[in-house]
Amino acid sequence: MEIAIVVSNFTYAILGALLTILFMVFGYKILDWITPFDTSKQLGEGNIAIGMVIGSMFVGLGIAVGLVVGLGLY
């Protein structure tokens, strides 16, 4: 196996992980902006419904970006 392929796949996976984290942060900020309440405060108070919404949003974004990264590997 060529080392160049391994290095390029590893670099692509790292960039994909960073992109996923960036999209998750932006998604959280957009959700916080469009809701009429403070999302961070609700999470701090233990609001389970908000936690489930944010968790499912992160899982959805992770799956979508993970598929893009996975399909881009050699």
PDB file of N, CA and C in Angstrom:
ATOM      1  N   MET A   1       0.854  -1.175   0.000  1.00  0.00           N
ATOM      2  CA  MET A   1       0.000   0.000   0.000  1.00  0.00           C
ATOM      3  C   MET A   1       0.896   1.233   0.000  1.00  0.00           C
ATOM      4  N   GLU A   2       0.511   2.195  -0.789  1.00  0.00           N
ATOM      5  CA  GLU A   2       1.312   3.399  -0.893  1.00  0.00           C
ATOM      6  C   GLU A   2       1.059   4.317   0.289  1.00  0.00           C
ATOM      7  N   ILE A   3       2.126   4.914   0.762  1.00  0.00           N
ATOM      8  CA  ILE A   3       2.025   5.806   1.909  1.00  0.00           C
ATOM      9  C   ILE A   3       1.281   7.097   1.540  1.00  0.00           C
ATOM     10  N   ALA A   4       1.356   7.509   0.289  1.00  0.00           N
ATOM     11  CA  ALA A   4       0.672   8.736  -0.139  1.00  0.00           C
ATOM     12  C   ALA A   4      -0.844   8.587  -0.021  1.00  0.00           C
ATOM     13  N   ILE A   5      -1.341   7.409  -0.324  1.00  0.00           N
ATOM     14  CA  ILE A   5      -2.787   7.167  -0.218  1.00  0.00           C
ATOM     15  C   ILE A   5      -3.211   7.206   1.246  1.00  0.00           C
ATOM     16  N   VAL A   6      -2.407   6.599   2.103  1.00  0.00           N
ATOM     17  CA  VAL A   6      -2.725   6.585   3.530  1.00  0.00           C
ATOM     18  C   VAL A   6      -2.711   8.000   4.093  1.00  0.00           C
ATOM     19  N   VAL A   7      -1.705   8.776   3.737  1.00  0.00           N
ATOM     20  CA  VAL A   7      -1.596  10.152   4.229  1.00  0.00           C
ATOM     21  C   VAL A   7      -2.734  11.009   3.704  1.00  0.00           C
ATOM     22  N   SER A   8      -3.085  10.863   2.435  1.00  0.00           N
ATOM     23  CA  SER A   8      -4.170  11.677   1.888  1.00  0.00           C
ATOM     24  C   SER A   8      -5.519  11.292   2.508  1.00  0.00           C
ATOM     25  N   ASN A   9      -5.751  10.000   2.756  1.00  0.00           N
ATOM     26  CA  ASN A   9      -6.986   9.579   3.422  1.00  0.00           C
ATOM     27  C   ASN A   9      -7.051  10.088   4.856  1.00  0.00           C
ATOM     28  N   PHE A  10      -5.937  10.030   5.565  1.00  0.00           N
ATOM     29  CA  PHE A  10      -5.903  10.527   6.934  1.00  0.00           C
ATOM     30  C   PHE A  10      -6.157  12.030   6.972  1.00  0.00           C
ATOM     31  N   THR A  11      -5.538  12.775   6.067  1.00  0.00           N
ATOM     32  CA  THR A  11      -5.750  14.222   5.990  1.00  0.00           C
ATOM     33  C   THR A  11      -7.198  14.533   5.664  1.00  0.00           C
ATOM     34  N   TYR A  12      -7.766  13.805   4.733  1.00  0.00           N
ATOM     35  CA  TYR A  12      -9.165  14.010   4.358  1.00  0.00           C
ATOM     36  C   TYR A  12     -10.096  13.719   5.528  1.00  0.00           C
ATOM     37  N   ALA A  13      -9.796  12.680   6.295  1.00  0.00           N
ATOM     38  CA  ALA A  13     -10.630  12.338   7.449  1.00  0.00           C
ATOM     39  C   ALA A  13     -10.529  13.401   8.538  1.00  0.00           C
ATOM     40  N   ILE A  14      -9.331  13.920   8.786  1.00  0.00           N
ATOM     41  CA  ILE A  14      -9.154  14.971   9.793  1.00  0.00           C
ATOM     42  C   ILE A  14      -9.889  16.240   9.369  1.00  0.00           C
ATOM     43  N   LEU A  15      -9.753  16.620   8.112  1.00  0.00           N
ATOM     44  CA  LEU A  15     -10.466  17.807   7.630  1.00  0.00           C
ATOM     45  C   LEU A  15     -11.975  17.602   7.685  1.00  0.00           C
ATOM     46  N   GLY A  16     -12.431  16.398   7.410  1.00  0.00           N
ATOM     47  CA  GLY A  16     -13.855  16.094   7.511  1.00  0.00           C
ATOM     48  C   GLY A  16     -14.354  16.187   8.942  1.00  0.00           C
ATOM     49  N   ALA A  17     -13.551  15.729   9.891  1.00  0.00           N
ATOM     50  CA  ALA A  17     -13.936  15.820  11.304  1.00  0.00           C
ATOM     51  C   ALA A  17     -14.003  17.277  11.749  1.00  0.00           C
ATOM     52  N   LEU A  18     -13.042  18.076  11.332  1.00  0.00           N
ATOM     53  CA  LEU A  18     -13.070  19.502  11.671  1.00  0.00           C
ATOM     54  C   LEU A  18     -14.264  20.205  11.036  1.00  0.00           C
ATOM     55  N   LEU A  19     -14.576  19.836   9.816  1.00  0.00           N
ATOM     56  CA  LEU A  19     -15.733  20.407   9.140  1.00  0.00           C
ATOM     57  C   LEU A  19     -17.025  20.011   9.845  1.00  0.00           C
ATOM     58  N   THR A  20     -17.094  18.771  10.321  1.00  0.00           N
ATOM     59  CA  THR A  20     -18.272  18.320  11.060  1.00  0.00           C
ATOM     60  C   THR A  20     -18.458  19.120  12.336  1.00  0.00           C
ATOM     61  N   ILE A  21     -17.388  19.335  13.076  1.00  0.00           N
ATOM     62  CA  ILE A  21     -17.472  20.130  14.307  1.00  0.00           C
ATOM     63  C   ILE A  21     -17.891  21.556  13.996  1.00  0.00           C
ATOM     64  N   LEU A  22     -17.359  22.116  12.934  1.00  0.00           N
ATOM     65  CA  LEU A  22     -17.723  23.480  12.540  1.00  0.00           C
ATOM     66  C   LEU A  22     -19.205  23.574  12.195  1.00  0.00           C
ATOM     67  N   PHE A  23     -19.719  22.603  11.444  1.00  0.00           N
ATOM     68  CA  PHE A  23     -21.148  22.599  11.105  1.00  0.00           C
ATOM     69  C   PHE A  23     -22.020  22.406  12.341  1.00  0.00           C
ATOM     70  N   MET A  24     -21.558  21.608  13.294  1.00  0.00           N
ATOM     71  CA  MET A  24     -22.328  21.416  14.520  1.00  0.00           C
ATOM     72  C   MET A  24     -22.402  22.704  15.328  1.00  0.00           C
ATOM     73  N   VAL A  25     -21.305  23.443  15.397  1.00  0.00           N
ATOM     74  CA  VAL A  25     -21.311  24.725  16.111  1.00  0.00           C
ATOM     75  C   VAL A  25     -22.246  25.706  15.417  1.00  0.00           C
ATOM     76  N   PHE A  26     -22.151  25.803  14.091  1.00  0.00           N
ATOM     77  CA  PHE A  26     -23.040  26.706  13.350  1.00  0.00           C
ATOM     78  C   PHE A  26     -24.499  26.285  13.486  1.00  0.00           C
ATOM     79  N   GLY A  27     -24.765  24.992  13.450  1.00  0.00           N
ATOM     80  CA  GLY A  27     -26.133  24.507  13.617  1.00  0.00           C
ATOM     81  C   GLY A  27     -26.690  24.852  14.979  1.00  0.00           C
ATOM     82  N   TYR A  28     -25.865  24.715  16.010  1.00  0.00           N
ATOM     83  CA  TYR A  28     -26.298  25.068  17.361  1.00  0.00           C
ATOM     84  C   TYR A  28     -26.582  26.566  17.462  1.00  0.00           C
ATOM     85  N   LYS A  29     -25.707  27.389  16.882  1.00  0.00           N
ATOM     86  CA  LYS A  29     -25.900  28.846  16.927  1.00  0.00           C
ATOM     87  C   LYS A  29     -27.171  29.252  16.176  1.00  0.00           C
ATOM     88  N   ILE A  30     -27.432  28.618  15.047  1.00  0.00           N
ATOM     89  CA  ILE A  30     -28.650  28.928  14.286  1.00  0.00           C
ATOM     90  C   ILE A  30     -29.884  28.498  15.061  1.00  0.00           C
ATOM     91  N   LEU A  31     -29.851  27.315  15.676  1.00  0.00           N
ATOM     92  CA  LEU A  31     -30.976  26.864  16.491  1.00  0.00           C
ATOM     93  C   LEU A  31     -31.212  27.824  17.657  1.00  0.00           C
ATOM     94  N   ASP A  32     -30.143  28.262  18.292  1.00  0.00           N
ATOM     95  CA  ASP A  32     -30.262  29.190  19.408  1.00  0.00           C
ATOM     96  C   ASP A  32     -30.829  30.528  18.938  1.00  0.00           C
ATOM     97  N   TRP A  33     -30.491  30.928  17.727  1.00  0.00           N
ATOM     98  CA  TRP A  33     -30.955  32.207  17.182  1.00  0.00           C
ATOM     99  C   TRP A  33     -32.439  32.169  16.796  1.00  0.00           C
ATOM    100  N   ILE A  34     -32.920  31.039  16.255  1.00  0.00           N
ATOM    101  CA  ILE A  34     -34.304  31.001  15.769  1.00  0.00           C
ATOM    102  C   ILE A  34     -35.310  30.630  16.850  1.00  0.00           C
ATOM    103  N   THR A  35     -34.854  30.104  17.970  1.00  0.00           N
ATOM    104  CA  THR A  35     -35.792  29.764  19.043  1.00  0.00           C
ATOM    105  C   THR A  35     -36.040  30.983  19.925  1.00  0.00           C
ATOM    106  N   PRO A  36     -37.252  31.105  20.482  1.00  0.00           N
ATOM    107  CA  PRO A  36     -37.570  32.295  21.283  1.00  0.00           C
ATOM    108  C   PRO A  36     -37.028  32.240  22.715  1.00  0.00           C
ATOM    109  N   PHE A  37     -36.261  31.214  23.047  1.00  0.00           N
ATOM    110  CA  PHE A  37     -35.720  31.073  24.396  1.00  0.00           C
ATOM    111  C   PHE A  37     -34.223  30.842  24.305  1.00  0.00           C
ATOM    112  N   ASP A  38     -33.545  30.966  25.445  1.00  0.00           N
ATOM    113  CA  ASP A  38     -32.106  30.755  25.503  1.00  0.00           C
ATOM    114  C   ASP A  38     -31.829  29.250  25.623  1.00  0.00           C
ATOM    115  N   THR A  39     -31.275  28.690  24.582  1.00  0.00           N
ATOM    116  CA  THR A  39     -31.044  27.249  24.530  1.00  0.00           C
ATOM    117  C   THR A  39     -30.051  26.806  25.600  1.00  0.00           C
ATOM    118  N   SER A  40     -28.983  27.558  25.787  1.00  0.00           N
ATOM    119  CA  SER A  40     -27.980  27.196  26.789  1.00  0.00           C
ATOM    120  C   SER A  40     -28.576  27.207  28.194  1.00  0.00           C
ATOM    121  N   LYS A  41     -29.418  28.185  28.475  1.00  0.00           N
ATOM    122  CA  LYS A  41     -30.058  28.265  29.787  1.00  0.00           C
ATOM    123  C   LYS A  41     -30.984  27.066  30.001  1.00  0.00           C
ATOM    124  N   GLN A  42     -31.740  26.712  28.960  1.00  0.00           N
ATOM    125  CA  GLN A  42     -32.646  25.569  29.066  1.00  0.00           C
ATOM    126  C   GLN A  42     -31.874  24.270  29.285  1.00  0.00           C
ATOM    127  N   LEU A  43     -30.740  24.126  28.616  1.00  0.00           N
ATOM    128  CA  LEU A  43     -29.912  22.932  28.829  1.00  0.00           C
ATOM    129  C   LEU A  43     -29.358  22.904  30.249  1.00  0.00           C
ATOM    130  N   GLY A  44     -28.955  24.074  30.740  1.00  0.00           N
ATOM    131  CA  GLY A  44     -28.436  24.167  32.103  1.00  0.00           C
ATOM    132  C   GLY A  44     -29.476  23.825  33.153  1.00  0.00           C
ATOM    133  N   GLU A  45     -30.741  24.114  32.846  1.00  0.00           N
ATOM    134  CA  GLU A  45     -31.825  23.807  33.774  1.00  0.00           C
ATOM    135  C   GLU A  45     -32.286  22.351  33.661  1.00  0.00           C
ATOM    136  N   GLY A  46     -31.716  21.612  32.740  1.00  0.00           N
ATOM    137  CA  GLY A  46     -32.036  20.191  32.613  1.00  0.00           C
ATOM    138  C   GLY A  46     -33.248  19.894  31.751  1.00  0.00           C
ATOM    139  N   ASN A  47     -33.548  20.756  30.788  1.00  0.00           N
ATOM    140  CA  ASN A  47     -34.674  20.542  29.887  1.00  0.00           C
ATOM    141  C   ASN A  47     -34.337  19.381  28.946  1.00  0.00           C
ATOM    142  N   ILE A  48     -34.966  18.250  29.161  1.00  0.00           N
ATOM    143  CA  ILE A  48     -34.657  17.039  28.401  1.00  0.00           C
ATOM    144  C   ILE A  48     -35.069  17.174  26.940  1.00  0.00           C
ATOM    145  N   ALA A  49     -36.173  17.860  26.662  1.00  0.00           N
ATOM    146  CA  ALA A  49     -36.645  18.004  25.283  1.00  0.00           C
ATOM    147  C   ALA A  49     -35.635  18.777  24.436  1.00  0.00           C
ATOM    148  N   ILE A  50     -35.082  19.847  24.981  1.00  0.00           N
ATOM    149  CA  ILE A  50     -34.075  20.616  24.244  1.00  0.00           C
ATOM    150  C   ILE A  50     -32.819  19.772  24.035  1.00  0.00           C
ATOM    151  N   GLY A  51     -32.446  19.001  25.042  1.00  0.00           N
ATOM    152  CA  GLY A  51     -31.294  18.114  24.905  1.00  0.00           C
ATOM    153  C   GLY A  51     -31.481  17.085  23.812  1.00  0.00           C
ATOM    154  N   MET A  52     -32.691  16.561  23.708  1.00  0.00           N
ATOM    155  CA  MET A  52     -32.968  15.581  22.656  1.00  0.00           C
ATOM    156  C   MET A  52     -32.931  16.222  21.277  1.00  0.00           C
ATOM    157  N   VAL A  53     -33.443  17.437  21.156  1.00  0.00           N
ATOM    158  CA  VAL A  53     -33.429  18.134  19.863  1.00  0.00           C
ATOM    159  C   VAL A  53     -31.991  18.411  19.436  1.00  0.00           C
ATOM    160  N   ILE A  54     -31.190  18.918  20.343  1.00  0.00           N
ATOM    161  CA  ILE A  54     -29.801  19.233  20.005  1.00  0.00           C
ATOM    162  C   ILE A  54     -29.011  17.952  19.729  1.00  0.00           C
ATOM    163  N   GLY A  55     -29.249  16.926  20.520  1.00  0.00           N
ATOM    164  CA  GLY A  55     -28.565  15.656  20.281  1.00  0.00           C
ATOM    165  C   GLY A  55     -28.910  15.062  18.930  1.00  0.00           C
ATOM    166  N   SER A  56     -30.183  15.104  18.563  1.00  0.00           N
ATOM    167  CA  SER A  56     -30.577  14.558  17.263  1.00  0.00           C
ATOM    168  C   SER A  56     -30.038  15.410  16.119  1.00  0.00           C
ATOM    169  N   MET A  57     -29.946  16.718  16.334  1.00  0.00           N
ATOM    170  CA  MET A  57     -29.361  17.590  15.312  1.00  0.00           C
ATOM    171  C   MET A  57     -27.895  17.227  15.096  1.00  0.00           C
ATOM    172  N   PHE A  58     -27.151  16.983  16.198  1.00  0.00           N
ATOM    173  CA  PHE A  58     -25.748  16.623  16.082  1.00  0.00           C
ATOM    174  C   PHE A  58     -25.574  15.256  15.415  1.00  0.00           C
ATOM    175  N   VAL A  59     -26.436  14.315  15.739  1.00  0.00           N
ATOM    176  CA  VAL A  59     -26.354  12.991  15.116  1.00  0.00           C
ATOM    177  C   VAL A  59     -26.630  13.103  13.614  1.00  0.00           C
ATOM    178  N   GLY A  60     -27.645  13.866  13.250  1.00  0.00           N
ATOM    179  CA  GLY A  60     -27.969  14.054  11.831  1.00  0.00           C
ATOM    180  C   GLY A  60     -26.841  14.705  11.058  1.00  0.00           C
ATOM    181  N   LEU A  61     -26.267  15.754  11.625  1.00  0.00           N
ATOM    182  CA  LEU A  61     -25.139  16.410  10.961  1.00  0.00           C
ATOM    183  C   LEU A  61     -23.938  15.480  10.880  1.00  0.00           C
ATOM    184  N   GLY A  62     -23.710  14.723  11.940  1.00  0.00           N
ATOM    185  CA  GLY A  62     -22.580  13.793  11.936  1.00  0.00           C
ATOM    186  C   GLY A  62     -22.720  12.714  10.884  1.00  0.00           C
ATOM    187  N   ILE A  63     -23.920  12.201  10.728  1.00  0.00           N
ATOM    188  CA  ILE A  63     -24.157  11.178   9.701  1.00  0.00           C
ATOM    189  C   ILE A  63     -23.954  11.761   8.310  1.00  0.00           C
ATOM    190  N   ALA A  64     -24.514  12.936   8.080  1.00  0.00           N
ATOM    191  CA  ALA A  64     -24.415  13.547   6.749  1.00  0.00           C
ATOM    192  C   ALA A  64     -22.969  13.845   6.373  1.00  0.00           C
ATOM    193  N   VAL A  65     -22.238  14.489   7.250  1.00  0.00           N
ATOM    194  CA  VAL A  65     -20.846  14.833   6.939  1.00  0.00           C
ATOM    195  C   VAL A  65     -19.990  13.569   6.934  1.00  0.00           C
ATOM    196  N   GLY A  66     -20.299  12.615   7.809  1.00  0.00           N
ATOM    197  CA  GLY A  66     -19.552  11.359   7.808  1.00  0.00           C
ATOM    198  C   GLY A  66     -19.685  10.599   6.500  1.00  0.00           C
ATOM    199  N   LEU A  67     -20.864  10.618   5.922  1.00  0.00           N
ATOM    200  CA  LEU A  67     -21.049   9.975   4.622  1.00  0.00           C
ATOM    201  C   LEU A  67     -20.234  10.671   3.538  1.00  0.00           C
ATOM    202  N   VAL A  68     -20.212  11.999   3.591  1.00  0.00           N
ATOM    203  CA  VAL A  68     -19.426  12.736   2.597  1.00  0.00           C
ATOM    204  C   VAL A  68     -17.937  12.397   2.734  1.00  0.00           C
ATOM    205  N   VAL A  69     -17.456  12.352   3.966  1.00  0.00           N
ATOM    206  CA  VAL A  69     -16.047  12.014   4.188  1.00  0.00           C
ATOM    207  C   VAL A  69     -15.786  10.564   3.779  1.00  0.00           C
ATOM    208  N   GLY A  70     -16.650   9.664   4.171  1.00  0.00           N
ATOM    209  CA  GLY A  70     -16.463   8.251   3.845  1.00  0.00           C
ATOM    210  C   GLY A  70     -16.482   7.966   2.360  1.00  0.00           C
ATOM    211  N   LEU A  71     -17.347   8.637   1.634  1.00  0.00           N
ATOM    212  CA  LEU A  71     -17.422   8.411   0.196  1.00  0.00           C
ATOM    213  C   LEU A  71     -16.277   9.066  -0.558  1.00  0.00           C
ATOM    214  N   GLY A  72     -15.610  10.007   0.088  1.00  0.00           N
ATOM    215  CA  GLY A  72     -14.489  10.673  -0.562  1.00  0.00           C
ATOM    216  C   GLY A  72     -13.167   9.952  -0.401  1.00  0.00           C
ATOM    217  N   LEU A  73     -13.127   8.929   0.458  1.00  0.00           N
ATOM    218  CA  LEU A  73     -11.885   8.188   0.656  1.00  0.00           C
ATOM    219  C   LEU A  73     -11.618   7.268  -0.521  1.00  0.00           C
ATOM    220  N   TYR A  74     -10.385   6.973  -0.773  1.00  0.00           N
ATOM    221  CA  TYR A  74     -10.005   6.128  -1.924  1.00  0.00           C
ATOM    222  C   TYR A  74     -10.411   4.710  -1.694  1.00  0.00           C
TER     223      TYR A  74
END
